[in-house]
Amino acid sequence: MSALADLMHDGRSVENHYPWPRVVVDEGEWLRARDLLAQGRCALLGLWGEAHAVHMAILDQATNEIGVITIECHDGRFWSVGQLHPPAIRLERTIHDLFGLEPTGTPDSRAWLAHGRWGVRSPLVDQIANPTGGDAYSFLPAEGESLHQIAVGPVHAGIIEPGHFRFNVNGEAVVRLEERLGYAHKGIEGLLAGTNLVRGAMLASRTSGDSTVAYGLAFARAAEAALGIEVPRRAVWLRALMAELERLANHFGDIGAICNDASFALMLGQCGILRERVLRTANACFGHRLMRDCVVPGGVTVDPSGGGIGRIRELLVMLRGRFPQLIDLYDNTASLQDRTVGSGVLKPELAQQYACGGFVGRASDRAFDARRTPGYPPYDSLRFEIPVLDRGDVDARVWIRIREVEQSISLIEQIISQLPAGEIQIDFDPATENGPKEGMALVEGFRGDVLVWLRLNSSGRIERCHLRDPSWFQWPLLEAVIEGNIVADFPLCNKSFNCSYSGHDL
């Protein structure tokens, strides 16, 4: 029996939780789970709260089994997972901000999403009046001779979401970076409570605008798992088509922006052209450049015409002709390589500890891709490779994106050549006779794995929905990789991660 299966065996099983099991555990089993995480035998996929309970999604590293454990917090407290497993710390701080539940033994009790401006405490449970205004946030100290601080943000130059970065530096070398996020908090999880699946899908897809397909797909799959819905095959394949177009557009934008932060604007312009062509093709096929609201529970809302598929074929021909030239340009520009190679190194052991997904993890030797593990259709019928490097620097994160672009082009070719005929959406009644239903999904967005967990009541409305962006496990690692680098390399390192503010801030 695996470590996770043994842990789950001792818990009280919760009915109607799909597709993976959920069990309620006691304090001892919760601490056993914490130990498994700290030992590296399991990986943390998510940690979220409710009024009187905390849930934790776990991946067994040896068997790839997934399970959810729950601890009931009748006294308003639960043992801190972050005490031994740092990736849980910010999630625990968020649970306290939103639900008022106290993580006992936490190494960091500061607020995270709450900035003292909501007017209430614990807004998702009791909304206790909290008239305190302003932000009394205390940044961690750094000691040593000749240190000074540089404060950047939360307002930045250009069109970018807000986030504050506090640097402690010695000359130009960064001694410590600490982030302060939460400025883009939208209250999406609060807005989801009590709504129906139609509006729920709209809200979920707006969690992070550049990942609207990934979030729409994760929400839809979670709802479909809860209700036992089987989606038409054509809809399943069209979802994958949209997901790969979204991946292409974002990777092109990132590759160009990283090069621009190294003062090589030519790549920004050329990659911007490719990104724009992808977005225009998406608009021609699905009626929206970002394909927003195209993926819904039960299927998809738009079926591209024959002309739309033809546009995709034209796009692929263009990309196969032009992208290799840009790869050569990147690889053979010495001044660009001088900036990217060896900068912002993420050690593989940190990527593994934080269960870091996407190009950030794969550039640091963590070969995890939700399309394969746990996997979902139609990727089980498609051929693709998961590129992995172990250098962990900015250059490695660029090359992972390059290789993923190549894989996405191949996947799109396979999808449009095998696209099945048939319906694209089914009608269903979300109401159930057997009480609440719960579902969870893990989907590979362009940044990494997106997790959605939801509970539907007997009338088919959302009781609770949690959305976990891959950036939750990537933002802390940005603080680690900048240490020892010069301040001027922070924009380069930051863009090579390209974490989401909006997805993280809910």
Protein backbone atom coordinates (compact mmCIF):
# COMPACT_ATOMS: atom_id res chain seq x y z
CA MET A 1 0.00 0.00 0.00
CA SER A 2 1.33 3.45 -0.93
CA ALA A 3 1.98 6.14 1.65
CA LEU A 4 -1.05 8.16 0.53
CA ALA A 5 -3.32 5.11 0.31
CA ASP A 6 -2.31 4.09 3.82
CA LEU A 7 -3.12 7.58 5.09
CA MET A 8 -6.47 7.68 3.26
CA HIS A 9 -7.37 4.21 4.55
CA ASP A 10 -7.42 5.48 8.13
CA GLY A 11 -9.75 8.39 7.39
CA ARG A 12 -13.55 8.61 7.24
CA SER A 13 -14.59 8.47 3.60
CA VAL A 14 -16.77 11.26 2.18
CA GLU A 15 -19.42 10.12 -0.29
CA ASN A 16 -19.97 11.71 -3.70
CA HIS A 17 -16.46 13.14 -4.16
CA TYR A 18 -15.08 12.56 -7.66
CA PRO A 19 -12.87 11.47 -9.34
CA TRP A 20 -10.44 11.10 -6.42
CA PRO A 21 -11.36 10.17 -2.84
CA ARG A 22 -11.74 12.59 0.07
CA VAL A 23 -11.52 11.50 3.68
CA VAL A 24 -11.94 13.28 7.00
CA VAL A 25 -8.93 12.69 9.26
CA ASP A 26 -8.12 13.31 12.89
CA GLU A 27 -5.25 15.40 14.21
CA GLY A 28 -2.78 12.52 14.20
CA GLU A 29 -3.45 11.65 10.57
CA TRP A 30 -3.22 15.32 9.59
CA LEU A 31 0.23 15.45 11.17
CA ARG A 32 1.18 12.23 9.38
CA ALA A 33 0.24 13.88 6.09
CA ARG A 34 2.39 16.88 7.01
CA ASP A 35 5.31 14.55 7.66
CA LEU A 36 4.86 12.87 4.26
CA LEU A 37 5.04 16.29 2.61
CA ALA A 38 8.09 17.33 4.62
CA GLN A 39 9.85 14.06 3.72
CA GLY A 40 9.17 14.57 0.01
CA ARG A 41 7.13 11.39 -0.27
CA CYS A 42 4.05 13.40 -1.22
CA ALA A 43 3.55 16.73 -2.98
CA LEU A 44 1.11 19.48 -2.00
CA LEU A 45 -1.43 20.18 -4.76
CA GLY A 46 -3.69 22.52 -2.82
CA LEU A 47 -4.75 23.73 0.64
CA TRP A 48 -8.01 25.59 1.18
CA GLY A 49 -10.57 26.32 3.85
CA GLU A 50 -14.23 26.44 4.73
CA ALA A 51 -16.10 27.76 7.75
CA HIS A 52 -15.11 24.88 10.02
CA ALA A 53 -12.72 22.73 8.00
CA VAL A 54 -9.48 22.75 6.02
CA HIS A 55 -8.90 20.57 2.96
CA MET A 56 -5.57 19.43 1.52
CA ALA A 57 -5.02 17.82 -1.90
CA ILE A 58 -1.98 15.56 -2.04
CA LEU A 59 -0.07 13.74 -4.79
CA ASP A 60 1.84 10.57 -3.91
CA GLN A 61 5.26 11.01 -5.52
CA ALA A 62 5.85 7.27 -5.98
CA THR A 63 2.50 6.19 -7.40
CA ASN A 64 0.98 9.46 -8.73
CA GLU A 65 -2.18 8.75 -6.72
CA ILE A 66 -4.20 11.81 -5.72
CA GLY A 67 -6.37 12.26 -2.65
CA VAL A 68 -7.96 14.98 -0.53
CA ILE A 69 -7.87 14.95 3.27
CA THR A 70 -9.99 17.14 5.50
CA ILE A 71 -9.55 18.17 9.11
CA GLU A 72 -12.52 19.63 10.98
CA CYS A 73 -11.71 22.78 12.96
CA HIS A 74 -14.45 23.03 15.55
CA ASP A 75 -12.26 25.21 17.77
CA GLY A 76 -11.20 27.42 14.87
CA ARG A 77 -7.68 25.97 14.72
CA PHE A 78 -5.68 23.41 12.75
CA TRP A 79 -2.07 22.29 12.91
CA SER A 80 0.12 24.27 10.53
CA VAL A 81 1.42 22.31 7.55
CA GLY A 82 3.78 25.18 6.77
CA GLN A 83 5.57 24.60 10.07
CA LEU A 84 7.40 21.71 8.38
CA HIS A 85 6.50 22.26 4.72
CA PRO A 86 7.08 25.89 3.58
CA PRO A 87 4.98 25.71 0.36
CA ALA A 88 1.86 25.66 2.58
CA ILE A 89 2.62 28.90 4.43
CA ARG A 90 0.99 31.43 2.10
CA LEU A 91 -2.02 29.18 1.59
CA GLU A 92 -2.47 28.96 5.36
CA ARG A 93 -2.21 32.71 5.70
CA THR A 94 -4.93 33.01 3.07
CA ILE A 95 -7.17 30.54 4.92
CA HIS A 96 -6.82 32.72 8.02
CA ASP A 97 -7.58 35.89 6.04
CA LEU A 98 -10.71 34.48 4.42
CA PHE A 99 -12.10 32.16 7.11
CA GLY A 100 -10.42 33.17 10.37
CA LEU A 101 -9.04 29.66 11.02
CA GLU A 102 -5.75 29.73 12.96
CA PRO A 103 -2.82 27.54 11.82
CA THR A 104 -1.25 26.43 15.10
CA GLY A 105 2.53 26.58 15.06
CA THR A 106 2.78 28.59 11.86
CA PRO A 107 6.15 30.27 11.25
CA ASP A 108 4.41 33.28 9.64
CA SER A 109 1.15 34.65 11.05
CA ARG A 110 1.03 37.83 8.95
CA ALA A 111 -1.97 38.52 6.72
CA TRP A 112 -1.53 37.65 3.05
CA LEU A 113 -4.50 38.64 0.89
CA ALA A 114 -6.00 40.97 3.48
CA HIS A 115 -4.58 44.51 3.36
CA GLY A 116 -6.78 45.96 6.09
CA ARG A 117 -9.13 47.60 3.60
CA TRP A 118 -12.03 45.16 3.29
CA GLY A 119 -13.94 46.59 6.23
CA VAL A 120 -14.58 43.04 7.52
CA ARG A 121 -12.60 40.10 8.86
CA SER A 122 -13.11 36.51 7.65
CA PRO A 123 -15.21 37.68 4.67
CA LEU A 124 -16.13 34.16 3.47
CA VAL A 125 -17.61 33.01 6.76
CA ASP A 126 -18.80 35.57 9.32
CA GLN A 127 -17.84 39.03 8.01
CA ILE A 128 -16.93 40.45 11.42
CA ALA A 129 -16.63 44.24 11.19
CA ASN A 130 -13.03 45.34 10.89
CA PRO A 131 -12.80 49.14 10.51
CA THR A 132 -8.98 49.14 10.52
CA GLY A 133 -7.62 50.91 7.47
CA GLY A 134 -4.20 51.06 5.90
CA ASP A 135 -1.51 48.46 5.54
CA ALA A 136 0.62 47.71 8.60
CA TYR A 137 2.52 44.91 6.88
CA SER A 138 5.91 44.10 8.41
CA PHE A 139 8.56 42.94 5.98
CA LEU A 140 11.14 40.46 7.23
CA PRO A 141 14.39 42.09 8.36
CA ALA A 142 17.81 41.56 6.80
CA GLU A 143 20.93 42.27 8.81
CA GLY A 144 24.45 43.05 7.71
CA GLU A 145 26.78 45.89 6.89
CA SER A 146 26.09 48.27 4.01
CA LEU A 147 22.59 46.96 3.34
CA HIS A 148 19.85 49.19 2.00
CA GLN A 149 16.32 48.65 0.75
CA ILE A 150 14.75 49.25 -2.64
CA ALA A 151 10.95 49.33 -2.80
CA VAL A 152 9.31 48.59 -6.16
CA GLY A 153 5.55 48.80 -6.75
CA PRO A 154 2.78 48.02 -6.20
CA VAL A 155 2.16 50.42 -9.09
CA HIS A 156 4.48 49.68 -12.01
CA ALA A 157 5.38 51.42 -15.23
CA GLY A 158 3.32 50.12 -18.12
CA ILE A 159 0.17 48.00 -18.19
CA ILE A 160 0.75 45.45 -15.47
CA GLU A 161 -1.11 44.23 -12.41
CA PRO A 162 -0.05 45.51 -8.97
CA GLY A 163 2.50 43.81 -6.75
CA HIS A 164 5.11 45.10 -4.31
CA PHE A 165 8.72 43.90 -4.22
CA ARG A 166 11.00 44.80 -1.31
CA PHE A 167 14.71 44.29 -2.03
CA ASN A 168 17.46 44.21 0.56
CA VAL A 169 20.69 44.79 -1.35
CA ASN A 170 24.41 45.11 -0.79
CA GLY A 171 25.58 47.39 -3.55
CA GLU A 172 23.90 45.83 -6.58
CA ALA A 173 23.69 42.28 -5.21
CA VAL A 174 20.29 41.18 -3.88
CA VAL A 175 20.52 39.77 -0.35
CA ARG A 176 16.78 39.22 0.08
CA LEU A 177 13.65 39.78 -1.94
CA GLU A 178 10.22 39.70 -0.33
CA GLU A 179 6.96 39.99 -2.24
CA ARG A 180 3.73 41.57 -1.09
CA LEU A 181 0.77 40.53 -3.20
CA GLY A 182 -3.01 40.57 -2.82
CA TYR A 183 -3.63 43.93 -4.50
CA ALA A 184 -5.54 42.21 -7.32
CA HIS A 185 -7.91 40.36 -4.96
CA LYS A 186 -11.30 40.15 -6.66
CA GLY A 187 -13.23 37.95 -4.24
CA ILE A 188 -13.96 35.36 -6.93
CA GLU A 189 -14.38 32.50 -4.45
CA GLY A 190 -16.92 34.59 -2.54
CA LEU A 191 -18.75 35.48 -5.75
CA LEU A 192 -18.89 31.81 -6.73
CA ALA A 193 -20.72 30.79 -3.55
CA GLY A 194 -24.44 30.39 -4.21
CA THR A 195 -24.28 30.91 -7.95
CA ASN A 196 -25.26 28.49 -10.72
CA LEU A 197 -22.87 26.63 -13.03
CA VAL A 198 -23.36 29.05 -15.93
CA ARG A 199 -22.25 32.07 -13.97
CA GLY A 200 -19.71 29.94 -12.11
CA ALA A 201 -18.00 29.04 -15.37
CA MET A 202 -17.85 32.72 -16.36
CA LEU A 203 -16.29 33.73 -13.04
CA ALA A 204 -13.78 30.87 -13.06
CA SER A 205 -12.58 31.70 -16.56
CA ARG A 206 -11.85 35.25 -15.41
CA THR A 207 -9.54 34.21 -12.58
CA SER A 208 -6.50 34.93 -14.76
CA GLY A 209 -7.30 36.37 -18.17
CA ASP A 210 -4.35 34.85 -20.02
CA SER A 211 -5.45 31.37 -18.85
CA THR A 212 -9.17 31.63 -19.52
CA VAL A 213 -9.29 28.31 -21.39
CA ALA A 214 -7.31 26.49 -18.69
CA TYR A 215 -9.57 27.78 -15.91
CA GLY A 216 -12.73 27.19 -17.94
CA LEU A 217 -11.60 23.63 -18.61
CA ALA A 218 -10.63 22.92 -15.01
CA PHE A 219 -13.95 24.28 -13.72
CA ALA A 220 -15.93 22.34 -16.31
CA ARG A 221 -14.11 19.08 -15.60
CA ALA A 222 -14.63 19.50 -11.84
CA ALA A 223 -18.35 20.10 -12.33
CA GLU A 224 -18.64 17.20 -14.77
CA ALA A 225 -16.82 14.91 -12.33
CA ALA A 226 -19.20 15.90 -9.54
CA LEU A 227 -22.29 15.25 -11.67
CA GLY A 228 -21.01 12.23 -13.61
CA ILE A 229 -21.42 13.96 -16.97
CA GLU A 230 -19.82 12.55 -20.11
CA VAL A 231 -18.91 15.27 -22.61
CA PRO A 232 -19.26 14.67 -26.39
CA ARG A 233 -15.98 13.53 -28.00
CA ARG A 234 -15.87 16.45 -30.42
CA ALA A 235 -16.13 18.89 -27.51
CA VAL A 236 -13.27 17.13 -25.71
CA TRP A 237 -11.00 17.53 -28.74
CA LEU A 238 -12.04 21.14 -29.36
CA ARG A 239 -11.16 21.93 -25.74
CA ALA A 240 -7.66 20.59 -26.31
CA LEU A 241 -7.38 22.64 -29.50
CA MET A 242 -8.24 25.80 -27.60
CA ALA A 243 -5.86 24.93 -24.76
CA GLU A 244 -2.93 24.47 -27.16
CA LEU A 245 -3.71 27.72 -28.99
CA GLU A 246 -3.72 29.48 -25.61
CA ARG A 247 -0.38 27.86 -24.75
CA LEU A 248 1.14 29.00 -28.06
CA ALA A 249 0.00 32.61 -27.68
CA ASN A 250 1.35 32.92 -24.14
CA HIS A 251 4.68 31.23 -24.85
CA PHE A 252 5.30 33.48 -27.84
CA GLY A 253 4.53 36.52 -25.70
CA ASP A 254 6.84 35.34 -22.91
CA ILE A 255 9.79 34.48 -25.15
CA GLY A 256 9.67 37.92 -26.72
CA ALA A 257 9.22 39.74 -23.40
CA ILE A 258 12.14 37.91 -21.76
CA CYS A 259 14.41 38.90 -24.64
CA ASN A 260 13.15 42.48 -24.42
CA ASP A 261 14.12 42.61 -20.73
CA ALA A 262 17.62 41.69 -21.91
CA SER A 263 17.50 44.69 -24.31
CA PHE A 264 16.89 42.59 -27.42
CA ALA A 265 13.72 44.21 -28.73
CA LEU A 266 13.87 42.48 -32.12
CA MET A 267 12.70 39.22 -30.56
CA LEU A 268 9.85 41.04 -28.80
CA GLY A 269 8.61 42.40 -32.11
CA GLN A 270 8.93 39.14 -34.02
CA CYS A 271 7.37 37.00 -31.27
CA GLY A 272 4.63 39.61 -30.93
CA ILE A 273 3.75 39.05 -34.57
CA LEU A 274 3.45 35.31 -34.02
CA ARG A 275 1.35 35.82 -30.89
CA GLU A 276 -0.96 38.17 -32.75
CA ARG A 277 -1.42 35.65 -35.55
CA VAL A 278 -2.42 32.99 -33.02
CA LEU A 279 -4.91 35.33 -31.34
CA ARG A 280 -6.46 36.34 -34.67
CA THR A 281 -6.80 32.71 -35.66
CA ALA A 282 -8.47 31.94 -32.32
CA ASN A 283 -10.87 34.81 -32.91
CA ALA A 284 -11.70 33.56 -36.40
CA CYS A 285 -12.37 30.03 -35.10
CA PHE A 286 -14.03 30.65 -31.74
CA GLY A 287 -15.30 34.23 -31.86
CA HIS A 288 -12.94 35.62 -29.18
CA ARG A 289 -9.20 36.26 -29.18
CA LEU A 290 -8.76 34.68 -25.76
CA MET A 291 -11.53 32.09 -26.39
CA ARG A 292 -13.31 33.32 -23.27
CA ASP A 293 -16.52 31.53 -22.25
CA CYS A 294 -16.04 28.93 -24.99
CA VAL A 295 -15.49 26.06 -22.54
CA VAL A 296 -18.48 25.35 -20.30
CA PRO A 297 -19.72 22.41 -18.22
CA GLY A 298 -21.15 19.93 -20.69
CA GLY A 299 -18.94 20.84 -23.65
CA VAL A 300 -18.06 23.93 -25.67
CA THR A 301 -20.18 26.76 -27.03
CA VAL A 302 -18.53 27.28 -30.42
CA ASP A 303 -17.76 24.85 -33.25
CA PRO A 304 -15.24 26.24 -35.75
CA SER A 305 -16.42 26.01 -39.31
CA GLY A 306 -14.45 24.33 -42.06
CA GLY A 307 -12.99 27.72 -42.85
CA GLY A 308 -11.80 28.04 -39.26
CA ILE A 309 -9.91 24.76 -39.42
CA GLY A 310 -8.38 25.98 -42.66
CA ARG A 311 -7.16 29.12 -40.87
CA ILE A 312 -5.49 26.93 -38.25
CA ARG A 313 -3.70 24.96 -40.97
CA GLU A 314 -2.45 28.22 -42.48
CA LEU A 315 -1.26 29.33 -39.04
CA LEU A 316 0.73 26.14 -38.53
CA VAL A 317 2.44 26.48 -41.90
CA MET A 318 3.45 30.03 -41.04
CA LEU A 319 4.72 29.08 -37.58
CA ARG A 320 6.76 26.16 -38.90
CA GLY A 321 8.39 28.51 -41.38
CA ARG A 322 9.19 31.43 -39.10
CA PHE A 323 9.67 30.15 -35.56
CA PRO A 324 12.86 28.14 -36.29
CA GLN A 325 14.49 31.35 -37.53
CA LEU A 326 13.72 33.04 -34.22
CA ILE A 327 15.15 30.07 -32.32
CA ASP A 328 18.41 30.47 -34.25
CA LEU A 329 18.39 34.19 -33.57
CA TYR A 330 17.99 33.62 -29.84
CA ASP A 331 20.60 30.87 -29.70
CA ASN A 332 23.23 32.73 -31.72
CA THR A 333 23.03 36.20 -30.13
CA ALA A 334 25.96 36.28 -27.71
CA SER A 335 24.83 39.41 -25.85
CA LEU A 336 21.44 37.79 -25.19
CA GLN A 337 22.95 34.53 -24.00
CA ASP A 338 25.24 36.47 -21.67
CA ARG A 339 22.17 37.77 -19.84
CA THR A 340 20.06 34.62 -19.73
CA VAL A 341 22.57 31.81 -19.15
CA GLY A 342 23.32 31.36 -15.45
CA SER A 343 20.86 34.02 -14.26
CA GLY A 344 18.12 33.27 -11.74
CA VAL A 345 18.96 29.62 -11.09
CA LEU A 346 16.20 27.57 -9.44
CA LYS A 347 17.70 24.49 -7.80
CA PRO A 348 15.90 21.22 -8.67
CA GLU A 349 15.41 20.34 -5.01
CA LEU A 350 13.43 23.55 -4.47
CA ALA A 351 11.30 22.92 -7.54
CA GLN A 352 10.58 19.44 -6.21
CA GLN A 353 9.79 20.64 -2.68
CA TYR A 354 7.30 23.22 -3.94
CA ALA A 355 5.77 20.82 -6.49
CA CYS A 356 6.47 23.59 -8.97
CA GLY A 357 4.69 23.01 -12.26
CA GLY A 358 4.90 24.32 -15.80
CA PHE A 359 8.02 25.63 -17.51
CA VAL A 360 9.47 26.77 -14.18
CA GLY A 361 9.44 23.25 -12.77
CA ARG A 362 10.41 21.50 -16.00
CA ALA A 363 13.41 23.80 -16.43
CA SER A 364 14.56 22.57 -12.99
CA ASP A 365 14.20 18.83 -13.59
CA ARG A 366 10.61 18.32 -12.38
CA ALA A 367 8.95 16.39 -15.19
CA PHE A 368 5.33 16.98 -14.19
CA ASP A 369 2.58 17.73 -16.70
CA ALA A 370 -1.08 17.34 -15.76
CA ARG A 371 -1.91 16.33 -19.34
CA ARG A 372 -0.04 13.10 -18.60
CA THR A 373 -0.26 12.85 -14.79
CA PRO A 374 -3.03 12.32 -13.84
CA GLY A 375 -3.89 12.81 -17.50
CA TYR A 376 -7.20 13.54 -19.22
CA PRO A 377 -8.64 13.10 -22.72
CA PRO A 378 -7.86 13.56 -25.50
CA TYR A 379 -4.17 13.69 -24.50
CA ASP A 380 -4.20 9.97 -23.82
CA SER A 381 -4.76 9.57 -27.59
CA LEU A 382 -2.12 12.09 -28.68
CA ARG A 383 1.65 11.88 -29.02
CA PHE A 384 3.69 14.50 -27.20
CA GLU A 385 6.88 14.84 -25.22
CA ILE A 386 7.45 16.68 -21.95
CA PRO A 387 10.68 18.70 -22.34
CA VAL A 388 12.81 18.75 -19.20
CA LEU A 389 16.11 20.48 -18.35
CA ASP A 390 18.04 20.65 -15.09
CA ARG A 391 19.95 23.94 -15.34
CA GLY A 392 17.10 25.98 -13.85
CA ASP A 393 18.24 29.36 -15.19
CA VAL A 394 16.47 31.97 -17.33
CA ASP A 395 17.88 30.36 -20.46
CA ALA A 396 16.47 26.95 -19.47
CA ARG A 397 13.02 28.45 -18.91
CA VAL A 398 13.19 30.01 -22.39
CA TRP A 399 14.19 26.68 -23.95
CA ILE A 400 11.38 24.82 -22.22
CA ARG A 401 8.96 27.32 -23.73
CA ILE A 402 10.56 26.86 -27.15
CA ARG A 403 10.21 23.09 -26.97
CA GLU A 404 6.64 23.38 -25.71
CA VAL A 405 5.79 25.58 -28.68
CA GLU A 406 7.07 22.82 -30.95
CA GLN A 407 5.02 20.22 -29.06
CA SER A 408 1.86 22.38 -29.19
CA ILE A 409 2.22 22.82 -32.96
CA SER A 410 2.46 19.04 -33.29
CA LEU A 411 -0.52 18.51 -30.98
CA ILE A 412 -2.68 20.97 -32.93
CA GLU A 413 -1.80 19.16 -36.16
CA GLN A 414 -2.86 15.85 -34.59
CA ILE A 415 -6.08 17.32 -33.18
CA ILE A 416 -7.36 18.86 -36.42
CA SER A 417 -6.45 15.74 -38.40
CA GLN A 418 -8.36 13.46 -35.98
CA LEU A 419 -11.17 15.81 -34.92
CA PRO A 420 -14.28 13.65 -34.48
CA ALA A 421 -17.69 14.65 -35.77
CA GLY A 422 -20.75 15.05 -33.61
CA GLU A 423 -22.33 17.26 -30.98
CA ILE A 424 -20.33 19.85 -29.05
CA GLN A 425 -22.50 20.25 -25.95
CA ILE A 426 -25.04 18.31 -23.93
CA ASP A 427 -27.91 19.55 -21.82
CA PHE A 428 -28.03 18.38 -18.23
CA ASP A 429 -29.81 19.07 -14.98
CA PRO A 430 -27.30 19.98 -12.23
CA ALA A 431 -29.83 19.22 -9.47
CA THR A 432 -29.24 15.94 -7.65
CA GLU A 433 -31.38 13.71 -5.47
CA ASN A 434 -28.58 12.33 -3.33
CA GLY A 435 -27.39 15.45 -1.56
CA PRO A 436 -24.25 17.50 -2.26
CA LYS A 437 -21.79 16.39 -4.94
CA GLU A 438 -18.09 17.31 -5.01
CA GLY A 439 -15.66 17.34 -7.92
CA MET A 440 -12.02 18.18 -8.51
CA ALA A 441 -9.92 18.63 -11.62
CA LEU A 442 -6.28 19.22 -12.44
CA VAL A 443 -5.59 20.80 -15.84
CA GLU A 444 -2.33 21.87 -17.48
CA GLY A 445 -2.39 25.59 -18.25
CA PHE A 446 0.50 27.36 -19.92
CA ARG A 447 2.04 28.23 -16.50
CA GLY A 448 1.47 24.79 -15.02
CA ASP A 449 -1.25 22.81 -13.28
CA VAL A 450 -4.52 24.57 -12.41
CA LEU A 451 -6.61 22.96 -9.67
CA VAL A 452 -10.36 23.49 -9.19
CA TRP A 453 -12.42 21.93 -6.40
CA LEU A 454 -16.14 22.54 -5.96
CA ARG A 455 -19.19 21.35 -4.07
CA LEU A 456 -22.67 21.53 -5.55
CA ASN A 457 -25.78 21.44 -3.38
CA SER A 458 -28.84 19.35 -4.20
CA SER A 459 -30.29 22.14 -6.35
CA GLY A 460 -27.14 22.31 -8.45
CA ARG A 461 -25.78 25.57 -7.07
CA ILE A 462 -22.21 26.08 -5.93
CA GLU A 463 -21.72 25.84 -2.18
CA ARG A 464 -17.95 26.25 -2.27
CA CYS A 465 -15.39 26.50 -5.06
CA HIS A 466 -11.62 26.80 -4.73
CA LEU A 467 -9.32 27.75 -7.62
CA ARG A 468 -5.57 27.25 -7.25
CA ASP A 469 -3.25 28.90 -9.75
CA PRO A 470 0.22 27.41 -10.43
CA SER A 471 1.67 30.76 -9.36
CA TRP A 472 0.97 29.93 -5.70
CA PHE A 473 3.96 27.58 -5.80
CA GLN A 474 6.07 29.73 -8.15
CA TRP A 475 5.99 33.21 -6.58
CA PRO A 476 7.96 32.08 -3.47
CA LEU A 477 10.63 30.52 -5.69
CA LEU A 478 11.17 33.82 -7.50
CA GLU A 479 12.36 35.18 -4.15
CA ALA A 480 14.87 32.32 -3.96
CA VAL A 481 16.31 32.60 -7.47
CA ILE A 482 17.03 36.34 -7.33
CA GLU A 483 19.27 36.02 -4.27
CA GLY A 484 22.86 36.81 -5.24
CA ASN A 485 21.85 38.25 -8.63
CA ILE A 486 22.09 41.96 -9.35
CA VAL A 487 19.03 44.21 -9.12
CA ALA A 488 19.13 44.86 -12.87
CA ASP A 489 18.52 41.17 -13.55
CA PHE A 490 15.28 41.07 -11.55
CA PRO A 491 13.02 42.04 -14.49
CA LEU A 492 14.64 39.28 -16.54
CA CYS A 493 14.19 36.66 -13.79
CA ASN A 494 10.68 37.88 -13.03
CA LYS A 495 9.56 37.63 -16.66
CA SER A 496 11.12 34.19 -17.03
CA PHE A 497 8.71 33.07 -14.28
CA ASN A 498 5.80 35.26 -15.43
CA CYS A 499 3.69 34.42 -12.39
CA SER A 500 0.08 35.55 -12.37
CA TYR A 501 -0.93 38.31 -9.95
CA SER A 502 -4.63 37.95 -10.69
CA GLY A 503 -4.73 34.15 -10.52
CA HIS A 504 -2.83 34.18 -7.24
CA ASP A 505 -4.89 36.93 -5.66
CA LEU A 506 -8.24 35.21 -6.38
